[in-house]
Amino acid sequence: MHSVLLQLKEKYGLVHVPSRHKAENWMLETSRLLELNYPWEQAGMEAARRVFGYEYREHSVYGGPDVREILSHLQK
C-alpha cells in the first residue's frame, strides 16, 4: 500500500504522502468522475484537485503510472 501512496504523491506533486483515507477518497472520487465519462487522466486530476486541495500540483500528472494502474492497486 505504501508504494501506491508514493505513486499518488509523485504523480500529483503532493507535499506529503497521502494517508490511506485520502487515497481512498481519491479512488472514490475518480471512480465517480469516470462514471460521468471523464477521461481516465482527467478524472484522476480532478479528483486530486478536490481531495488533496492546496497540495495538488499539476506539473507531473502525465508522468509515472497511469490512473488505471493506481486504481487497481488501491482496490486490492
N, C-alpha and C. Protein backbone atom coordinates (compact mmCIF):
# COMPACT_ATOMS: atom_id res chain seq x y z
N MET A 1 0.83 -1.20 0.00
CA MET A 1 0.00 0.00 0.00
C MET A 1 0.87 1.26 0.00
N HIS A 2 1.98 1.19 0.73
CA HIS A 2 2.83 2.38 0.82
C HIS A 2 3.32 2.83 -0.56
N SER A 3 3.64 1.88 -1.43
CA SER A 3 4.16 2.25 -2.75
C SER A 3 3.10 2.98 -3.58
N VAL A 4 1.85 2.59 -3.47
CA VAL A 4 0.80 3.28 -4.22
C VAL A 4 0.58 4.68 -3.67
N LEU A 5 0.75 4.86 -2.37
CA LEU A 5 0.63 6.20 -1.78
C LEU A 5 1.76 7.09 -2.30
N LEU A 6 2.95 6.52 -2.45
CA LEU A 6 4.07 7.27 -3.03
C LEU A 6 3.80 7.62 -4.49
N GLN A 7 3.16 6.71 -5.22
CA GLN A 7 2.81 7.00 -6.61
C GLN A 7 1.85 8.19 -6.69
N LEU A 8 0.88 8.23 -5.80
CA LEU A 8 -0.04 9.38 -5.78
C LEU A 8 0.71 10.66 -5.46
N LYS A 9 1.61 10.61 -4.49
CA LYS A 9 2.40 11.79 -4.12
C LYS A 9 3.19 12.31 -5.32
N GLU A 10 3.86 11.40 -5.99
CA GLU A 10 4.69 11.80 -7.13
C GLU A 10 3.86 12.27 -8.32
N LYS A 11 2.82 11.55 -8.63
CA LYS A 11 2.01 11.86 -9.81
C LYS A 11 1.37 13.24 -9.70
N TYR A 12 0.88 13.56 -8.50
CA TYR A 12 0.15 14.81 -8.33
C TYR A 12 0.94 15.89 -7.60
N GLY A 13 2.24 15.67 -7.43
CA GLY A 13 3.12 16.68 -6.85
C GLY A 13 2.73 17.07 -5.44
N LEU A 14 2.23 16.11 -4.67
CA LEU A 14 1.78 16.41 -3.32
C LEU A 14 2.96 16.69 -2.40
N VAL A 15 2.74 17.55 -1.42
CA VAL A 15 3.77 17.89 -0.45
C VAL A 15 4.06 16.69 0.46
N HIS A 16 3.01 15.99 0.87
CA HIS A 16 3.13 14.85 1.78
C HIS A 16 2.62 13.58 1.12
N VAL A 17 3.06 12.45 1.63
CA VAL A 17 2.48 11.17 1.21
C VAL A 17 1.07 11.15 1.77
N PRO A 18 0.07 10.92 0.92
CA PRO A 18 -1.31 10.95 1.42
C PRO A 18 -1.62 9.79 2.37
N SER A 19 -2.55 10.03 3.25
CA SER A 19 -2.99 8.96 4.14
C SER A 19 -3.81 7.95 3.33
N ARG A 20 -3.99 6.79 3.90
CA ARG A 20 -4.82 5.77 3.25
C ARG A 20 -6.24 6.31 3.05
N HIS A 21 -6.73 7.04 4.03
CA HIS A 21 -8.08 7.61 3.96
C HIS A 21 -8.21 8.57 2.77
N LYS A 22 -7.22 9.45 2.61
CA LYS A 22 -7.26 10.39 1.48
C LYS A 22 -7.13 9.65 0.15
N ALA A 23 -6.29 8.62 0.12
CA ALA A 23 -6.13 7.83 -1.11
C ALA A 23 -7.45 7.15 -1.47
N GLU A 24 -8.13 6.64 -0.47
CA GLU A 24 -9.43 6.00 -0.74
C GLU A 24 -10.46 7.03 -1.20
N ASN A 25 -10.41 8.24 -0.65
CA ASN A 25 -11.31 9.30 -1.12
C ASN A 25 -11.00 9.66 -2.57
N TRP A 26 -9.71 9.71 -2.91
CA TRP A 26 -9.32 9.98 -4.30
C TRP A 26 -9.86 8.89 -5.22
N MET A 27 -9.72 7.62 -4.78
CA MET A 27 -10.21 6.50 -5.57
C MET A 27 -11.72 6.62 -5.80
N LEU A 28 -12.46 6.90 -4.76
CA LEU A 28 -13.93 7.02 -4.89
C LEU A 28 -14.31 8.19 -5.80
N GLU A 29 -13.64 9.32 -5.63
CA GLU A 29 -13.95 10.49 -6.46
C GLU A 29 -13.57 10.24 -7.92
N THR A 30 -12.43 9.61 -8.14
CA THR A 30 -12.01 9.27 -9.50
C THR A 30 -13.03 8.33 -10.15
N SER A 31 -13.46 7.33 -9.41
CA SER A 31 -14.45 6.38 -9.92
C SER A 31 -15.76 7.08 -10.27
N ARG A 32 -16.16 8.01 -9.41
CA ARG A 32 -17.40 8.76 -9.66
C ARG A 32 -17.29 9.58 -10.95
N LEU A 33 -16.14 10.22 -11.13
CA LEU A 33 -15.93 11.03 -12.33
C LEU A 33 -15.85 10.15 -13.59
N LEU A 34 -15.27 8.97 -13.47
CA LEU A 34 -15.23 8.05 -14.60
C LEU A 34 -16.65 7.65 -15.02
N GLU A 35 -17.52 7.48 -14.03
CA GLU A 35 -18.93 7.16 -14.33
C GLU A 35 -19.62 8.30 -15.07
N LEU A 36 -19.09 9.52 -14.89
CA LEU A 36 -19.63 10.68 -15.60
C LEU A 36 -18.93 10.89 -16.95
N ASN A 37 -18.19 9.87 -17.37
CA ASN A 37 -17.50 9.85 -18.67
C ASN A 37 -16.31 10.80 -18.79
N TYR A 38 -15.69 11.13 -17.67
CA TYR A 38 -14.42 11.86 -17.74
C TYR A 38 -13.37 10.90 -18.29
N PRO A 39 -12.42 11.37 -19.09
CA PRO A 39 -11.29 10.52 -19.48
C PRO A 39 -10.48 10.14 -18.22
N TRP A 40 -9.79 9.02 -18.27
CA TRP A 40 -9.08 8.50 -17.10
C TRP A 40 -8.17 9.52 -16.42
N GLU A 41 -7.25 10.10 -17.16
CA GLU A 41 -6.30 11.02 -16.54
C GLU A 41 -6.98 12.29 -16.04
N GLN A 42 -7.96 12.77 -16.77
CA GLN A 42 -8.68 13.96 -16.33
C GLN A 42 -9.46 13.68 -15.05
N ALA A 43 -10.05 12.50 -14.95
CA ALA A 43 -10.77 12.11 -13.73
C ALA A 43 -9.81 12.08 -12.54
N GLY A 44 -8.64 11.52 -12.73
CA GLY A 44 -7.65 11.47 -11.66
C GLY A 44 -7.19 12.85 -11.24
N MET A 45 -6.95 13.74 -12.21
CA MET A 45 -6.52 15.10 -11.90
C MET A 45 -7.60 15.87 -11.15
N GLU A 46 -8.83 15.78 -11.62
CA GLU A 46 -9.92 16.50 -10.96
C GLU A 46 -10.15 15.95 -9.55
N ALA A 47 -10.08 14.64 -9.40
CA ALA A 47 -10.23 14.04 -8.07
C ALA A 47 -9.10 14.51 -7.15
N ALA A 48 -7.88 14.57 -7.67
CA ALA A 48 -6.74 15.04 -6.87
C ALA A 48 -6.95 16.48 -6.44
N ARG A 49 -7.42 17.30 -7.34
CA ARG A 49 -7.70 18.70 -7.03
C ARG A 49 -8.73 18.80 -5.89
N ARG A 50 -9.76 17.97 -5.97
CA ARG A 50 -10.83 18.02 -4.97
C ARG A 50 -10.42 17.42 -3.63
N VAL A 51 -9.69 16.32 -3.67
CA VAL A 51 -9.35 15.60 -2.43
C VAL A 51 -8.11 16.16 -1.74
N PHE A 52 -7.09 16.50 -2.51
CA PHE A 52 -5.83 16.93 -1.91
C PHE A 52 -5.71 18.44 -1.80
N GLY A 53 -6.61 19.17 -2.42
CA GLY A 53 -6.66 20.63 -2.27
C GLY A 53 -5.37 21.34 -2.62
N TYR A 54 -4.90 22.17 -1.69
CA TYR A 54 -3.73 23.01 -1.93
C TYR A 54 -2.46 22.22 -2.23
N GLU A 55 -2.40 20.96 -1.83
CA GLU A 55 -1.19 20.16 -2.06
C GLU A 55 -1.03 19.74 -3.52
N TYR A 56 -2.13 19.69 -4.25
CA TYR A 56 -2.11 19.20 -5.64
C TYR A 56 -1.33 20.14 -6.55
N ARG A 57 -0.41 19.57 -7.32
CA ARG A 57 0.35 20.32 -8.33
C ARG A 57 0.23 19.57 -9.64
N GLU A 58 -0.11 20.27 -10.68
CA GLU A 58 -0.38 19.63 -11.97
C GLU A 58 0.88 19.37 -12.78
N HIS A 59 2.05 19.57 -12.22
CA HIS A 59 3.28 19.53 -13.00
C HIS A 59 3.67 18.16 -13.55
N SER A 60 3.30 17.09 -12.89
CA SER A 60 3.83 15.79 -13.33
C SER A 60 2.74 14.75 -13.56
N VAL A 61 1.53 15.17 -13.80
CA VAL A 61 0.42 14.22 -13.87
C VAL A 61 0.52 13.23 -15.02
N TYR A 62 1.23 13.56 -16.08
CA TYR A 62 1.32 12.64 -17.21
C TYR A 62 2.53 11.74 -17.12
N GLY A 63 3.34 11.90 -16.09
CA GLY A 63 4.48 11.02 -15.88
C GLY A 63 4.09 9.91 -14.93
N GLY A 64 4.91 8.89 -14.88
CA GLY A 64 4.67 7.81 -13.93
C GLY A 64 3.49 6.94 -14.30
N PRO A 65 2.98 6.23 -13.32
CA PRO A 65 1.89 5.28 -13.58
C PRO A 65 0.61 6.00 -13.98
N ASP A 66 -0.19 5.34 -14.79
CA ASP A 66 -1.45 5.97 -15.16
C ASP A 66 -2.50 5.70 -14.09
N VAL A 67 -3.60 6.40 -14.20
CA VAL A 67 -4.68 6.34 -13.21
C VAL A 67 -5.20 4.91 -13.06
N ARG A 68 -5.34 4.20 -14.16
CA ARG A 68 -5.84 2.81 -14.08
C ARG A 68 -4.95 1.94 -13.19
N GLU A 69 -3.65 2.09 -13.34
CA GLU A 69 -2.70 1.30 -12.55
C GLU A 69 -2.83 1.64 -11.06
N ILE A 70 -2.88 2.92 -10.74
CA ILE A 70 -3.01 3.33 -9.33
C ILE A 70 -4.32 2.83 -8.75
N LEU A 71 -5.41 2.97 -9.50
CA LEU A 71 -6.70 2.49 -9.01
C LEU A 71 -6.68 0.99 -8.76
N SER A 72 -6.05 0.25 -9.65
CA SER A 72 -6.03 -1.21 -9.48
C SER A 72 -5.29 -1.60 -8.21
N HIS A 73 -4.23 -0.87 -7.84
CA HIS A 73 -3.50 -1.16 -6.61
C HIS A 73 -4.30 -0.77 -5.38
N LEU A 74 -5.04 0.32 -5.46
CA LEU A 74 -5.84 0.76 -4.31
C LEU A 74 -7.05 -0.14 -4.07
N GLN A 75 -7.56 -0.76 -5.11
CA GLN A 75 -8.76 -1.59 -4.97
C GLN A 75 -8.47 -2.97 -4.43
N LYS A 76 -7.21 -3.31 -4.26
CA LYS A 76 -6.83 -4.65 -3.75
C LYS A 76 -6.99 -4.70 -2.25
